[in-house]
Amino acid sequence: MELMSVVFSSALVFLAVLVQHFNNVYRKGTRYVLSSRSESPGTDGFTGRATRTLQNNLESCAMYAPVALAVVVLHKQSTLSFYAALFYVLARVVFAFCYWFNISGVRSTAWLIGMISVGTMMAVVLL
């Protein structure tokens, strides 16, 4: 699960890229998407949430992937790391959908669970 969670984390970033891209195509048109995009697509509404979801997923993946890979490379997989990886993936999926659909309270809780999972994986590696 630990290694697959890295793949799922990357897949979630990829999904966030697609959501943001297709939203830009829908809102701004193909011409905008094919341009240099020197004009911002906007920070309000779904467009802004899609952009922030992608950014947050990138940041989270950058924190999570190295420690999850370290767990695998160092052969430190355990029941704790398995569940931390599982909860991380589930929390990030919930986070993304809640961000896209503007469900703030659940989104913040999912973010916290994801961060606790990252911290747990760090502890597994370091202890």
N, C-alpha and C. Protein backbone atom coordinates (compact mmCIF):
# COMPACT_ATOMS: atom_id res chain seq x y z
N MET A 1 0.82 -1.19 0.00
CA MET A 1 0.00 0.00 0.00
C MET A 1 0.86 1.26 0.00
N GLU A 2 1.99 1.21 0.70
CA GLU A 2 2.83 2.40 0.80
C GLU A 2 3.31 2.87 -0.57
N LEU A 3 3.77 1.92 -1.39
CA LEU A 3 4.24 2.29 -2.73
C LEU A 3 3.08 2.71 -3.62
N MET A 4 1.99 1.99 -3.55
CA MET A 4 0.82 2.34 -4.36
C MET A 4 0.25 3.70 -3.96
N SER A 5 0.41 4.07 -2.70
CA SER A 5 -0.11 5.38 -2.27
C SER A 5 0.63 6.51 -2.97
N VAL A 6 1.90 6.29 -3.30
CA VAL A 6 2.66 7.30 -4.04
C VAL A 6 2.09 7.41 -5.45
N VAL A 7 1.77 6.28 -6.04
CA VAL A 7 1.16 6.28 -7.38
C VAL A 7 -0.20 6.96 -7.34
N PHE A 8 -1.01 6.63 -6.33
CA PHE A 8 -2.32 7.28 -6.20
C PHE A 8 -2.19 8.78 -5.98
N SER A 9 -1.20 9.17 -5.20
CA SER A 9 -0.96 10.59 -4.96
C SER A 9 -0.61 11.31 -6.26
N SER A 10 0.23 10.69 -7.06
CA SER A 10 0.57 11.26 -8.37
C SER A 10 -0.65 11.28 -9.30
N ALA A 11 -1.45 10.23 -9.23
CA ALA A 11 -2.66 10.17 -10.06
C ALA A 11 -3.64 11.27 -9.67
N LEU A 12 -3.69 11.58 -8.39
CA LEU A 12 -4.57 12.66 -7.95
C LEU A 12 -4.09 14.01 -8.45
N VAL A 13 -2.78 14.21 -8.46
CA VAL A 13 -2.22 15.44 -9.05
C VAL A 13 -2.59 15.50 -10.53
N PHE A 14 -2.44 14.38 -11.23
CA PHE A 14 -2.79 14.32 -12.65
C PHE A 14 -4.27 14.64 -12.85
N LEU A 15 -5.14 14.09 -12.02
CA LEU A 15 -6.57 14.38 -12.12
C LEU A 15 -6.83 15.87 -11.88
N ALA A 16 -6.15 16.46 -10.91
CA ALA A 16 -6.32 17.89 -10.63
C ALA A 16 -5.85 18.73 -11.82
N VAL A 17 -4.80 18.30 -12.50
CA VAL A 17 -4.34 19.00 -13.70
C VAL A 17 -5.43 18.94 -14.77
N LEU A 18 -6.01 17.77 -14.96
CA LEU A 18 -7.06 17.63 -15.97
C LEU A 18 -8.29 18.48 -15.65
N VAL A 19 -8.69 18.48 -14.38
CA VAL A 19 -9.84 19.29 -13.97
C VAL A 19 -9.56 20.76 -14.24
N GLN A 20 -8.39 21.22 -13.83
CA GLN A 20 -8.04 22.62 -14.06
C GLN A 20 -7.99 22.93 -15.56
N HIS A 21 -7.37 22.06 -16.33
CA HIS A 21 -7.23 22.29 -17.77
C HIS A 21 -8.59 22.35 -18.46
N PHE A 22 -9.43 21.36 -18.21
CA PHE A 22 -10.73 21.34 -18.88
C PHE A 22 -11.63 22.48 -18.42
N ASN A 23 -11.46 22.90 -17.17
CA ASN A 23 -12.18 24.08 -16.71
C ASN A 23 -11.72 25.32 -17.47
N ASN A 24 -10.41 25.43 -17.66
CA ASN A 24 -9.88 26.57 -18.43
C ASN A 24 -10.38 26.54 -19.87
N VAL A 25 -10.42 25.37 -20.47
CA VAL A 25 -10.95 25.25 -21.84
C VAL A 25 -12.41 25.69 -21.87
N TYR A 26 -13.18 25.22 -20.90
CA TYR A 26 -14.61 25.55 -20.85
C TYR A 26 -14.83 27.04 -20.60
N ARG A 27 -14.12 27.60 -19.63
CA ARG A 27 -14.32 29.00 -19.23
C ARG A 27 -13.66 30.01 -20.17
N LYS A 28 -12.45 29.72 -20.58
CA LYS A 28 -11.67 30.71 -21.34
C LYS A 28 -11.50 30.36 -22.82
N GLY A 29 -11.74 29.11 -23.16
CA GLY A 29 -11.64 28.70 -24.56
C GLY A 29 -10.29 28.11 -24.93
N THR A 30 -10.28 27.45 -26.06
CA THR A 30 -9.08 26.79 -26.55
C THR A 30 -7.98 27.80 -26.85
N ARG A 31 -8.37 28.95 -27.34
CA ARG A 31 -7.38 29.97 -27.67
C ARG A 31 -6.55 30.36 -26.44
N TYR A 32 -7.23 30.50 -25.29
CA TYR A 32 -6.52 30.84 -24.05
C TYR A 32 -5.57 29.71 -23.65
N VAL A 33 -6.05 28.48 -23.72
CA VAL A 33 -5.24 27.34 -23.30
C VAL A 33 -4.00 27.20 -24.18
N LEU A 34 -4.11 27.54 -25.44
CA LEU A 34 -2.97 27.43 -26.35
C LEU A 34 -2.08 28.67 -26.34
N SER A 35 -2.47 29.68 -25.57
CA SER A 35 -1.69 30.91 -25.51
C SER A 35 -0.58 30.79 -24.47
N SER A 36 0.13 31.89 -24.26
CA SER A 36 1.19 31.91 -23.24
C SER A 36 0.60 32.01 -21.83
N ARG A 37 -0.68 32.24 -21.73
CA ARG A 37 -1.42 32.36 -20.46
C ARG A 37 -0.84 33.43 -19.55
N SER A 38 -0.40 34.52 -20.15
CA SER A 38 0.11 35.62 -19.34
C SER A 38 -1.02 36.27 -18.54
N GLU A 39 -2.24 36.09 -19.00
CA GLU A 39 -3.42 36.56 -18.26
C GLU A 39 -3.90 35.43 -17.36
N SER A 40 -4.04 35.72 -16.07
CA SER A 40 -4.49 34.73 -15.10
C SER A 40 -5.91 34.28 -15.41
N PRO A 41 -6.22 32.99 -15.22
CA PRO A 41 -7.58 32.54 -15.46
C PRO A 41 -8.57 33.03 -14.40
N GLY A 42 -8.07 33.56 -13.30
CA GLY A 42 -8.92 34.05 -12.23
C GLY A 42 -8.73 33.25 -10.96
N THR A 43 -9.11 33.86 -9.85
CA THR A 43 -8.94 33.20 -8.56
C THR A 43 -10.26 32.99 -7.82
N ASP A 44 -11.36 33.31 -8.46
CA ASP A 44 -12.65 33.14 -7.79
C ASP A 44 -13.41 31.96 -8.38
N GLY A 45 -14.44 31.54 -7.67
CA GLY A 45 -15.31 30.47 -8.14
C GLY A 45 -14.56 29.15 -8.33
N PHE A 46 -15.13 28.32 -9.19
CA PHE A 46 -14.56 27.00 -9.43
C PHE A 46 -13.16 27.11 -10.03
N THR A 47 -12.94 28.10 -10.88
CA THR A 47 -11.63 28.26 -11.50
C THR A 47 -10.54 28.44 -10.45
N GLY A 48 -10.78 29.29 -9.48
CA GLY A 48 -9.82 29.50 -8.41
C GLY A 48 -9.65 28.28 -7.54
N ARG A 49 -10.77 27.61 -7.24
CA ARG A 49 -10.68 26.40 -6.41
C ARG A 49 -9.92 25.29 -7.14
N ALA A 50 -10.12 25.17 -8.44
CA ALA A 50 -9.39 24.15 -9.21
C ALA A 50 -7.90 24.43 -9.20
N THR A 51 -7.53 25.70 -9.32
CA THR A 51 -6.12 26.08 -9.28
C THR A 51 -5.52 25.81 -7.91
N ARG A 52 -6.24 26.17 -6.86
CA ARG A 52 -5.74 25.95 -5.50
C ARG A 52 -5.69 24.46 -5.16
N THR A 53 -6.64 23.68 -5.66
CA THR A 53 -6.63 22.23 -5.44
C THR A 53 -5.38 21.62 -6.04
N LEU A 54 -5.07 22.01 -7.27
CA LEU A 54 -3.87 21.50 -7.93
C LEU A 54 -2.63 21.90 -7.14
N GLN A 55 -2.52 23.15 -6.76
CA GLN A 55 -1.34 23.61 -6.02
C GLN A 55 -1.19 22.86 -4.70
N ASN A 56 -2.29 22.69 -3.99
CA ASN A 56 -2.23 22.00 -2.70
C ASN A 56 -1.86 20.54 -2.89
N ASN A 57 -2.40 19.90 -3.93
CA ASN A 57 -2.05 18.50 -4.19
C ASN A 57 -0.57 18.35 -4.53
N LEU A 58 -0.03 19.29 -5.29
CA LEU A 58 1.40 19.26 -5.60
C LEU A 58 2.24 19.39 -4.33
N GLU A 59 1.87 20.34 -3.49
CA GLU A 59 2.61 20.56 -2.25
C GLU A 59 2.53 19.34 -1.33
N SER A 60 1.36 18.76 -1.23
CA SER A 60 1.18 17.60 -0.36
C SER A 60 1.95 16.40 -0.89
N CYS A 61 1.88 16.20 -2.19
CA CYS A 61 2.60 15.09 -2.81
C CYS A 61 4.11 15.24 -2.61
N ALA A 62 4.59 16.47 -2.68
CA ALA A 62 6.02 16.73 -2.48
C ALA A 62 6.46 16.41 -1.06
N MET A 63 5.56 16.53 -0.09
CA MET A 63 5.89 16.17 1.29
C MET A 63 5.75 14.67 1.51
N TYR A 64 4.73 14.09 0.91
CA TYR A 64 4.39 12.69 1.19
C TYR A 64 5.26 11.68 0.43
N ALA A 65 5.43 11.89 -0.86
CA ALA A 65 6.10 10.88 -1.70
C ALA A 65 7.49 10.49 -1.20
N PRO A 66 8.35 11.45 -0.84
CA PRO A 66 9.69 11.04 -0.38
C PRO A 66 9.67 10.16 0.87
N VAL A 67 8.81 10.49 1.82
CA VAL A 67 8.81 9.68 3.05
C VAL A 67 8.16 8.32 2.80
N ALA A 68 7.13 8.27 1.95
CA ALA A 68 6.52 6.98 1.64
C ALA A 68 7.51 6.09 0.89
N LEU A 69 8.25 6.69 -0.03
CA LEU A 69 9.28 5.92 -0.74
C LEU A 69 10.38 5.47 0.21
N ALA A 70 10.73 6.32 1.16
CA ALA A 70 11.75 5.94 2.14
C ALA A 70 11.28 4.76 2.99
N VAL A 71 10.01 4.73 3.34
CA VAL A 71 9.46 3.60 4.10
C VAL A 71 9.68 2.30 3.32
N VAL A 72 9.41 2.35 2.02
CA VAL A 72 9.56 1.15 1.19
C VAL A 72 11.03 0.78 1.01
N VAL A 73 11.85 1.76 0.65
CA VAL A 73 13.27 1.49 0.38
C VAL A 73 13.99 0.98 1.63
N LEU A 74 13.62 1.52 2.77
CA LEU A 74 14.26 1.12 4.03
C LEU A 74 13.60 -0.10 4.68
N HIS A 75 12.62 -0.67 3.99
CA HIS A 75 11.91 -1.86 4.47
C HIS A 75 11.29 -1.64 5.85
N LYS A 76 10.65 -0.49 6.01
CA LYS A 76 10.03 -0.17 7.29
C LYS A 76 8.51 -0.26 7.24
N GLN A 77 7.99 -0.99 6.22
CA GLN A 77 6.54 -1.15 6.15
C GLN A 77 6.03 -1.86 7.40
N SER A 78 4.89 -1.38 7.86
CA SER A 78 4.27 -1.95 9.05
C SER A 78 2.76 -1.72 8.94
N THR A 79 2.05 -2.20 9.91
CA THR A 79 0.61 -1.94 9.95
C THR A 79 0.36 -0.44 10.04
N LEU A 80 1.18 0.25 10.82
CA LEU A 80 1.04 1.70 10.97
C LEU A 80 1.26 2.42 9.64
N SER A 81 2.32 2.05 8.93
CA SER A 81 2.59 2.72 7.65
C SER A 81 1.53 2.37 6.61
N PHE A 82 1.02 1.15 6.65
CA PHE A 82 -0.06 0.75 5.75
C PHE A 82 -1.27 1.66 5.94
N TYR A 83 -1.71 1.81 7.18
CA TYR A 83 -2.90 2.63 7.44
C TYR A 83 -2.63 4.12 7.23
N ALA A 84 -1.42 4.56 7.52
CA ALA A 84 -1.09 5.96 7.23
C ALA A 84 -1.18 6.22 5.73
N ALA A 85 -0.68 5.29 4.92
CA ALA A 85 -0.76 5.43 3.47
C ALA A 85 -2.20 5.39 3.00
N LEU A 86 -2.98 4.48 3.53
CA LEU A 86 -4.39 4.36 3.15
C LEU A 86 -5.16 5.63 3.52
N PHE A 87 -4.99 6.10 4.74
CA PHE A 87 -5.68 7.31 5.18
C PHE A 87 -5.23 8.54 4.40
N TYR A 88 -3.94 8.57 4.04
CA TYR A 88 -3.45 9.69 3.24
C TYR A 88 -4.18 9.76 1.91
N VAL A 89 -4.23 8.63 1.22
CA VAL A 89 -4.89 8.60 -0.10
C VAL A 89 -6.36 8.98 0.03
N LEU A 90 -7.05 8.36 0.97
CA LEU A 90 -8.48 8.66 1.14
C LEU A 90 -8.70 10.13 1.51
N ALA A 91 -7.87 10.64 2.40
CA ALA A 91 -8.02 12.04 2.82
C ALA A 91 -7.78 12.99 1.66
N ARG A 92 -6.78 12.70 0.83
CA ARG A 92 -6.49 13.59 -0.31
C ARG A 92 -7.59 13.54 -1.36
N VAL A 93 -8.20 12.39 -1.56
CA VAL A 93 -9.32 12.30 -2.49
C VAL A 93 -10.49 13.13 -1.96
N VAL A 94 -10.82 12.95 -0.69
CA VAL A 94 -11.90 13.73 -0.08
C VAL A 94 -11.57 15.22 -0.14
N PHE A 95 -10.32 15.57 0.18
CA PHE A 95 -9.90 16.96 0.13
C PHE A 95 -10.15 17.56 -1.24
N ALA A 96 -9.70 16.87 -2.29
CA ALA A 96 -9.82 17.41 -3.65
C ALA A 96 -11.28 17.63 -4.02
N PHE A 97 -12.11 16.63 -3.80
CA PHE A 97 -13.52 16.78 -4.17
C PHE A 97 -14.21 17.86 -3.34
N CYS A 98 -13.87 17.93 -2.06
CA CYS A 98 -14.46 18.99 -1.22
C CYS A 98 -13.99 20.37 -1.66
N TYR A 99 -12.75 20.49 -2.10
CA TYR A 99 -12.26 21.78 -2.58
C TYR A 99 -13.00 22.16 -3.86
N TRP A 100 -13.10 21.22 -4.79
CA TRP A 100 -13.79 21.51 -6.05
C TRP A 100 -15.25 21.91 -5.83
N PHE A 101 -15.91 21.26 -4.87
CA PHE A 101 -17.33 21.52 -4.64
C PHE A 101 -17.60 22.44 -3.46
N ASN A 102 -16.55 23.11 -2.96
CA ASN A 102 -16.66 24.16 -1.96
C ASN A 102 -17.31 23.68 -0.65
N ILE A 103 -16.81 22.55 -0.13
CA ILE A 103 -17.29 22.00 1.14
C ILE A 103 -16.16 22.20 2.15
N SER A 104 -16.16 23.36 2.79
CA SER A 104 -15.01 23.81 3.58
C SER A 104 -14.69 22.97 4.81
N GLY A 105 -15.66 22.69 5.65
CA GLY A 105 -15.38 22.00 6.91
C GLY A 105 -14.80 20.61 6.70
N VAL A 106 -15.40 19.86 5.81
CA VAL A 106 -14.92 18.51 5.52
C VAL A 106 -13.54 18.60 4.86
N ARG A 107 -13.37 19.59 3.97
CA ARG A 107 -12.08 19.78 3.29
C ARG A 107 -10.96 20.00 4.31
N SER A 108 -11.20 20.86 5.28
CA SER A 108 -10.17 21.14 6.29
C SER A 108 -9.86 19.92 7.14
N THR A 109 -10.87 19.14 7.46
CA THR A 109 -10.66 17.90 8.23
C THR A 109 -9.85 16.90 7.41
N ALA A 110 -10.18 16.79 6.12
CA ALA A 110 -9.43 15.88 5.25
C ALA A 110 -7.98 16.33 5.13
N TRP A 111 -7.76 17.63 5.03
CA TRP A 111 -6.40 18.16 4.97
C TRP A 111 -5.63 17.75 6.23
N LEU A 112 -6.26 17.91 7.40
CA LEU A 112 -5.61 17.57 8.66
C LEU A 112 -5.27 16.08 8.72
N ILE A 113 -6.18 15.23 8.29
CA ILE A 113 -5.92 13.79 8.28
C ILE A 113 -4.75 13.47 7.36
N GLY A 114 -4.70 14.14 6.22
CA GLY A 114 -3.58 13.94 5.30
C GLY A 114 -2.26 14.35 5.93
N MET A 115 -2.27 15.48 6.61
CA MET A 115 -1.03 15.95 7.26
C MET A 115 -0.61 15.03 8.40
N ILE A 116 -1.56 14.52 9.16
CA ILE A 116 -1.24 13.56 10.22
C ILE A 116 -0.64 12.30 9.59
N SER A 117 -1.16 11.90 8.45
CA SER A 117 -0.62 10.72 7.75
C SER A 117 0.81 10.97 7.29
N VAL A 118 1.09 12.16 6.78
CA VAL A 118 2.47 12.51 6.38
C VAL A 118 3.37 12.45 7.61
N GLY A 119 2.95 13.05 8.71
CA GLY A 119 3.74 13.02 9.94
C GLY A 119 3.97 11.61 10.45
N THR A 120 2.95 10.79 10.34
CA THR A 120 3.07 9.39 10.77
C THR A 120 4.12 8.66 9.93
N MET A 121 4.07 8.88 8.62
CA MET A 121 5.07 8.24 7.74
C MET A 121 6.48 8.74 8.07
N MET A 122 6.62 10.02 8.40
CA MET A 122 7.93 10.54 8.79
C MET A 122 8.41 9.85 10.07
N ALA A 123 7.51 9.67 11.01
CA ALA A 123 7.88 9.00 12.25
C ALA A 123 8.29 7.55 12.00
N VAL A 124 7.59 6.88 11.10
CA VAL A 124 7.94 5.49 10.76
C VAL A 124 9.37 5.43 10.21
N VAL A 125 9.71 6.37 9.37
CA VAL A 125 11.05 6.40 8.76
C VAL A 125 12.12 6.71 9.83
N LEU A 126 11.83 7.68 10.67
CA LEU A 126 12.85 8.18 11.61
C LEU A 126 12.99 7.35 12.88
N LEU A 127 11.96 6.60 13.23
CA LEU A 127 12.03 5.86 14.51
C LEU A 127 12.32 4.39 14.29
